[in-house]
Amino acid sequence: MVDPAAPQAGLPNALVAALRGRGETLATAESLTGGRLAALVTGVPGASEAYVGGVVSYATEVKIEVLGVPRALVQRHGVVSAECAVAMARGAVSTLGATWALSTTGVAGPEPQEDRSVGTVFVGVAGPGVAEARALRLAGDRWTIQDRACREALSALGGILGLEESGLG
C-alpha cells in the first residue's frame, strides 16, 4: 500500500481521485518498470474504481502479441523509442478498454540496449484526443531509474488532466 505521507503518494492519490470524479479509467503497459507503475496506482484506496489493469510487457513479443505494437514499428524504431511507448499506451487502451493508458519503456541497466544508454526512458500516454510520449534521460541505479520513470508517467497524465505535480518530490 502507498503510504499517504510519502512524497510520491500525492500524485497517485490525486490521479485516482480525478479519474473517479470524471468517471474515467486507467490502464498501464509497462516494460522497464515491471509492474511498479501499477503498484503505485493500486496502492491508493479506491483505485479499483478507476484502474482496470495492466500488462507487463517485458518481452518484445508480448508488446507485439498482447498490446498490438506493430512488428514493423519495432523493427524500424526499436522497443526503446517514443513510437513504441505511444503504441504500447494505445494498445493498453484498446486491449483493456480504459479511457487512459500510461506506458513505460527504456533501459534501466546495467547494460545498454538497442544502442540506447542506461537511463534512456520513454513514457507514453494515450486517451481521448491524446497519444504522446515523453523522452527522458534519467540517472541513477536500476531502482532509481524505474522509480523515476513511474513518477514521470504519472506526472504526464497529471499534466494532461490539469493536476498539480507537487507530489513528485
C-alpha atoms as a PDB file:
ATOM      1  CA  MET A   1       0.000   0.000   0.000  1.00  0.00           C
ATOM      2  CA  VAL A   2       1.208   3.508  -0.761  1.00  0.00           C
ATOM      3  CA  ASP A   3       1.987   5.487   2.373  1.00  0.00           C
ATOM      4  CA  PRO A   4      -0.107   8.677   2.000  1.00  0.00           C
ATOM      5  CA  ALA A   5       2.642  10.611   3.814  1.00  0.00           C
ATOM      6  CA  ALA A   6       5.289   9.568   1.293  1.00  0.00           C
ATOM      7  CA  PRO A   7       6.230  12.260  -1.254  1.00  0.00           C
ATOM      8  CA  GLN A   8       5.323  10.069  -4.231  1.00  0.00           C
ATOM      9  CA  ALA A   9       1.861   9.283  -2.800  1.00  0.00           C
ATOM     10  CA  GLY A  10       0.363  12.684  -3.631  1.00  0.00           C
ATOM     11  CA  LEU A  11       0.148  12.274  -7.374  1.00  0.00           C
ATOM     12  CA  PRO A  12      -1.219   8.695  -7.442  1.00  0.00           C
ATOM     13  CA  ASN A  13      -3.908   9.750  -4.953  1.00  0.00           C
ATOM     14  CA  ALA A  14      -4.755  12.853  -6.967  1.00  0.00           C
ATOM     15  CA  LEU A  15      -4.892  10.897 -10.238  1.00  0.00           C
ATOM     16  CA  VAL A  16      -7.194   8.228  -8.839  1.00  0.00           C
ATOM     17  CA  ALA A  17      -9.473  10.884  -7.343  1.00  0.00           C
ATOM     18  CA  ALA A  18      -9.547  12.844 -10.606  1.00  0.00           C
ATOM     19  CA  LEU A  19     -10.275   9.773 -12.708  1.00  0.00           C
ATOM     20  CA  ARG A  20     -13.016   8.641 -10.334  1.00  0.00           C
ATOM     21  CA  GLY A  21     -14.548  12.118 -10.391  1.00  0.00           C
ATOM     22  CA  ARG A  22     -14.525  12.169 -14.177  1.00  0.00           C
ATOM     23  CA  GLY A  23     -15.879   8.638 -14.490  1.00  0.00           C
ATOM     24  CA  GLU A  24     -12.744   7.642 -16.413  1.00  0.00           C
ATOM     25  CA  THR A  25     -10.420   4.680 -16.165  1.00  0.00           C
ATOM     26  CA  LEU A  26      -6.706   3.973 -16.405  1.00  0.00           C
ATOM     27  CA  ALA A  27      -4.641   1.049 -17.675  1.00  0.00           C
ATOM     28  CA  THR A  28      -0.886   0.545 -17.745  1.00  0.00           C
ATOM     29  CA  ALA A  29       1.545  -1.061 -20.185  1.00  0.00           C
ATOM     30  CA  GLU A  30       4.933  -1.486 -18.575  1.00  0.00           C
ATOM     31  CA  SER A  31       8.279  -2.731 -19.736  1.00  0.00           C
ATOM     32  CA  LEU A  32      11.248  -1.429 -17.750  1.00  0.00           C
ATOM     33  CA  THR A  33       9.121  -0.683 -14.657  1.00  0.00           C
ATOM     34  CA  GLY A  34       7.897  -4.281 -14.435  1.00  0.00           C
ATOM     35  CA  GLY A  35       4.600  -3.567 -12.680  1.00  0.00           C
ATOM     36  CA  ARG A  36       5.766  -0.834 -10.330  1.00  0.00           C
ATOM     37  CA  LEU A  37       3.569   1.772 -12.006  1.00  0.00           C
ATOM     38  CA  ALA A  38       0.509  -0.428 -11.474  1.00  0.00           C
ATOM     39  CA  ALA A  39       1.563  -0.942  -7.849  1.00  0.00           C
ATOM     40  CA  LEU A  40       1.718   2.818  -7.252  1.00  0.00           C
ATOM     41  CA  VAL A  41      -1.777   3.275  -8.635  1.00  0.00           C
ATOM     42  CA  THR A  42      -3.326   0.260  -6.906  1.00  0.00           C
ATOM     43  CA  GLY A  43      -1.780   1.295  -3.599  1.00  0.00           C
ATOM     44  CA  VAL A  44      -4.347   4.094  -3.471  1.00  0.00           C
ATOM     45  CA  PRO A  45      -7.573   3.275  -1.605  1.00  0.00           C
ATOM     46  CA  GLY A  46     -10.451   3.236  -4.089  1.00  0.00           C
ATOM     47  CA  ALA A  47      -8.175   2.611  -7.081  1.00  0.00           C
ATOM     48  CA  SER A  48     -10.412  -0.233  -8.230  1.00  0.00           C
ATOM     49  CA  GLU A  49     -12.986   2.362  -9.297  1.00  0.00           C
ATOM     50  CA  ALA A  50     -10.520   3.871 -11.775  1.00  0.00           C
ATOM     51  CA  TYR A  51      -7.801   1.318 -12.544  1.00  0.00           C
ATOM     52  CA  VAL A  52      -8.785  -1.523 -14.881  1.00  0.00           C
ATOM     53  CA  GLY A  53      -5.487  -3.388 -15.126  1.00  0.00           C
ATOM     54  CA  GLY A  54      -2.147  -3.573 -16.766  1.00  0.00           C
ATOM     55  CA  VAL A  55       0.190  -5.545 -18.960  1.00  0.00           C
ATOM     56  CA  VAL A  56       3.815  -6.106 -18.021  1.00  0.00           C
ATOM     57  CA  SER A  57       5.268  -6.485 -21.483  1.00  0.00           C
ATOM     58  CA  TYR A  58       8.896  -7.069 -20.647  1.00  0.00           C
ATOM     59  CA  ALA A  59       9.472  -9.212 -23.735  1.00  0.00           C
ATOM     60  CA  THR A  60       9.212  -7.735 -27.214  1.00  0.00           C
ATOM     61  CA  GLU A  61       6.809 -10.481 -28.310  1.00  0.00           C
ATOM     62  CA  VAL A  62       4.391  -9.522 -25.527  1.00  0.00           C
ATOM     63  CA  LYS A  63       4.416  -5.943 -26.781  1.00  0.00           C
ATOM     64  CA  ILE A  64       3.588  -7.223 -30.255  1.00  0.00           C
ATOM     65  CA  GLU A  65       1.170 -10.061 -29.465  1.00  0.00           C
ATOM     66  CA  VAL A  66      -0.698  -8.681 -26.435  1.00  0.00           C
ATOM     67  CA  LEU A  67      -0.530  -4.910 -26.888  1.00  0.00           C
ATOM     68  CA  GLY A  68      -0.633  -4.917 -30.674  1.00  0.00           C
ATOM     69  CA  VAL A  69       2.558  -2.936 -31.196  1.00  0.00           C
ATOM     70  CA  PRO A  70       3.230  -3.364 -34.917  1.00  0.00           C
ATOM     71  CA  ARG A  71       6.242  -5.551 -35.649  1.00  0.00           C
ATOM     72  CA  ALA A  72       7.291  -3.092 -38.377  1.00  0.00           C
ATOM     73  CA  LEU A  73       7.356  -0.285 -35.797  1.00  0.00           C
ATOM     74  CA  VAL A  74       9.622  -2.359 -33.550  1.00  0.00           C
ATOM     75  CA  GLN A  75      11.891  -3.208 -36.479  1.00  0.00           C
ATOM     76  CA  ARG A  76      12.115   0.421 -37.553  1.00  0.00           C
ATOM     77  CA  HIS A  77      12.311   2.259 -34.211  1.00  0.00           C
ATOM     78  CA  GLY A  78      13.066  -0.433 -31.618  1.00  0.00           C
ATOM     79  CA  VAL A  79      11.261  -1.051 -28.346  1.00  0.00           C
ATOM     80  CA  VAL A  80      13.175   1.736 -26.615  1.00  0.00           C
ATOM     81  CA  SER A  81      11.536   4.555 -28.542  1.00  0.00           C
ATOM     82  CA  ALA A  82       8.815   7.186 -28.343  1.00  0.00           C
ATOM     83  CA  GLU A  83       6.952   5.378 -31.108  1.00  0.00           C
ATOM     84  CA  CYS A  84       6.869   2.151 -29.127  1.00  0.00           C
ATOM     85  CA  ALA A  85       5.772   3.958 -25.953  1.00  0.00           C
ATOM     86  CA  VAL A  86       2.820   5.512 -27.794  1.00  0.00           C
ATOM     87  CA  ALA A  87       1.893   2.196 -29.433  1.00  0.00           C
ATOM     88  CA  MET A  88       2.041   0.439 -26.053  1.00  0.00           C
ATOM     89  CA  ALA A  89      -0.254   3.040 -24.463  1.00  0.00           C
ATOM     90  CA  ARG A  90      -2.701   2.854 -27.369  1.00  0.00           C
ATOM     91  CA  GLY A  91      -2.612  -0.924 -27.146  1.00  0.00           C
ATOM     92  CA  ALA A  92      -3.444  -0.825 -23.441  1.00  0.00           C
ATOM     93  CA  VAL A  93      -6.426   1.461 -24.062  1.00  0.00           C
ATOM     94  CA  SER A  94      -7.670  -0.899 -26.746  1.00  0.00           C
ATOM     95  CA  THR A  95      -6.875  -4.214 -25.080  1.00  0.00           C
ATOM     96  CA  LEU A  96      -8.079  -3.282 -21.600  1.00  0.00           C
ATOM     97  CA  GLY A  97     -10.903  -0.928 -22.546  1.00  0.00           C
ATOM     98  CA  ALA A  98      -9.639   2.011 -20.495  1.00  0.00           C
ATOM     99  CA  THR A  99     -10.153   5.715 -21.067  1.00  0.00           C
ATOM    100  CA  TRP A 100      -6.453   6.420 -20.482  1.00  0.00           C
ATOM    101  CA  ALA A 101      -3.269   4.398 -20.508  1.00  0.00           C
ATOM    102  CA  LEU A 102       0.284   5.017 -19.415  1.00  0.00           C
ATOM    103  CA  SER A 103       3.272   3.118 -20.765  1.00  0.00           C
ATOM    104  CA  THR A 104       6.930   2.813 -19.844  1.00  0.00           C
ATOM    105  CA  THR A 105       9.796   1.538 -21.948  1.00  0.00           C
ATOM    106  CA  GLY A 106      13.511   2.104 -21.688  1.00  0.00           C
ATOM    107  CA  VAL A 107      16.838   0.954 -20.335  1.00  0.00           C
ATOM    108  CA  ALA A 108      17.210   0.561 -16.560  1.00  0.00           C
ATOM    109  CA  GLY A 109      20.604  -1.099 -16.855  1.00  0.00           C
ATOM    110  CA  PRO A 110      23.114  -2.268 -16.135  1.00  0.00           C
ATOM    111  CA  GLU A 111      23.847  -2.656 -19.882  1.00  0.00           C
ATOM    112  CA  PRO A 112      22.758  -0.539 -22.869  1.00  0.00           C
ATOM    113  CA  GLN A 113      20.017  -1.895 -25.143  1.00  0.00           C
ATOM    114  CA  GLU A 114      19.404  -1.171 -28.833  1.00  0.00           C
ATOM    115  CA  ASP A 115      22.326   1.270 -28.783  1.00  0.00           C
ATOM    116  CA  ARG A 116      20.474   3.249 -26.108  1.00  0.00           C
ATOM    117  CA  SER A 117      22.337   4.149 -22.947  1.00  0.00           C
ATOM    118  CA  VAL A 118      21.219   3.271 -19.435  1.00  0.00           C
ATOM    119  CA  GLY A 119      18.652   5.848 -18.289  1.00  0.00           C
ATOM    120  CA  THR A 120      17.053   6.318 -21.703  1.00  0.00           C
ATOM    121  CA  VAL A 121      13.328   6.105 -20.988  1.00  0.00           C
ATOM    122  CA  PHE A 122      10.113   6.877 -22.822  1.00  0.00           C
ATOM    123  CA  VAL A 123       6.739   7.222 -21.142  1.00  0.00           C
ATOM    124  CA  GLY A 124       3.603   7.160 -23.235  1.00  0.00           C
ATOM    125  CA  VAL A 125       0.105   8.465 -22.653  1.00  0.00           C
ATOM    126  CA  ALA A 126      -2.960   7.634 -24.702  1.00  0.00           C
ATOM    127  CA  GLY A 127      -6.536   8.702 -24.197  1.00  0.00           C
ATOM    128  CA  PRO A 128      -9.250  10.908 -25.664  1.00  0.00           C
ATOM    129  CA  GLY A 129      -7.506  13.016 -28.296  1.00  0.00           C
ATOM    130  CA  VAL A 130      -4.064  12.256 -26.856  1.00  0.00           C
ATOM    131  CA  ALA A 131      -1.285   9.928 -27.975  1.00  0.00           C
ATOM    132  CA  GLU A 132       2.134  11.183 -26.983  1.00  0.00           C
ATOM    133  CA  ALA A 133       5.430  10.215 -25.431  1.00  0.00           C
ATOM    134  CA  ARG A 134       7.982  11.940 -23.242  1.00  0.00           C
ATOM    135  CA  ALA A 135      11.659  11.220 -23.781  1.00  0.00           C
ATOM    136  CA  LEU A 136      13.638  11.097 -20.550  1.00  0.00           C
ATOM    137  CA  ARG A 137      17.296  10.801 -19.638  1.00  0.00           C
ATOM    138  CA  LEU A 138      17.402   9.502 -16.081  1.00  0.00           C
ATOM    139  CA  ALA A 139      20.406   8.959 -13.861  1.00  0.00           C
ATOM    140  CA  GLY A 140      20.954   6.503 -11.057  1.00  0.00           C
ATOM    141  CA  ASP A 141      20.837   2.814 -10.394  1.00  0.00           C
ATOM    142  CA  ARG A 142      18.211   0.424 -11.752  1.00  0.00           C
ATOM    143  CA  TRP A 143      15.760   1.021  -8.884  1.00  0.00           C
ATOM    144  CA  THR A 144      16.090   4.808  -9.146  1.00  0.00           C
ATOM    145  CA  ILE A 145      15.542   4.797 -12.917  1.00  0.00           C
ATOM    146  CA  GLN A 146      12.448   2.604 -12.571  1.00  0.00           C
ATOM    147  CA  ASP A 147      11.067   4.745  -9.742  1.00  0.00           C
ATOM    148  CA  ARG A 148      11.595   7.985 -11.623  1.00  0.00           C
ATOM    149  CA  ALA A 149      10.044   6.516 -14.794  1.00  0.00           C
ATOM    150  CA  CYS A 150       6.905   5.705 -12.798  1.00  0.00           C
ATOM    151  CA  ARG A 151       6.751   9.197 -11.358  1.00  0.00           C
ATOM    152  CA  GLU A 152       7.261  10.777 -14.778  1.00  0.00           C
ATOM    153  CA  ALA A 153       4.483   8.645 -16.275  1.00  0.00           C
ATOM    154  CA  LEU A 154       2.080   9.706 -13.521  1.00  0.00           C
ATOM    155  CA  SER A 155       3.188  13.302 -13.981  1.00  0.00           C
ATOM    156  CA  ALA A 156       2.492  13.135 -17.716  1.00  0.00           C
ATOM    157  CA  LEU A 157      -1.130  12.123 -17.153  1.00  0.00           C
ATOM    158  CA  GLY A 158      -1.442  14.534 -14.242  1.00  0.00           C
ATOM    159  CA  GLY A 159      -0.395  17.370 -16.534  1.00  0.00           C
ATOM    160  CA  ILE A 160      -2.952  16.386 -19.145  1.00  0.00           C
ATOM    161  CA  LEU A 161      -5.687  16.225 -16.508  1.00  0.00           C
ATOM    162  CA  GLY A 162      -4.603  19.600 -15.106  1.00  0.00           C
ATOM    163  CA  LEU A 163      -3.334  18.324 -11.757  1.00  0.00           C
ATOM    164  CA  GLU A 164      -0.501  19.929  -9.834  1.00  0.00           C
ATOM    165  CA  GLU A 165       2.750  17.967  -9.802  1.00  0.00           C
ATOM    166  CA  SER A 166       3.510  18.718  -6.160  1.00  0.00           C
ATOM    167  CA  GLY A 167       3.505  15.020  -5.291  1.00  0.00           C
ATOM    168  CA  LEU A 168       6.626  14.270  -7.305  1.00  0.00           C
ATOM    169  CA  GLY A 169       9.127  15.322  -4.627  1.00  0.00           C
END
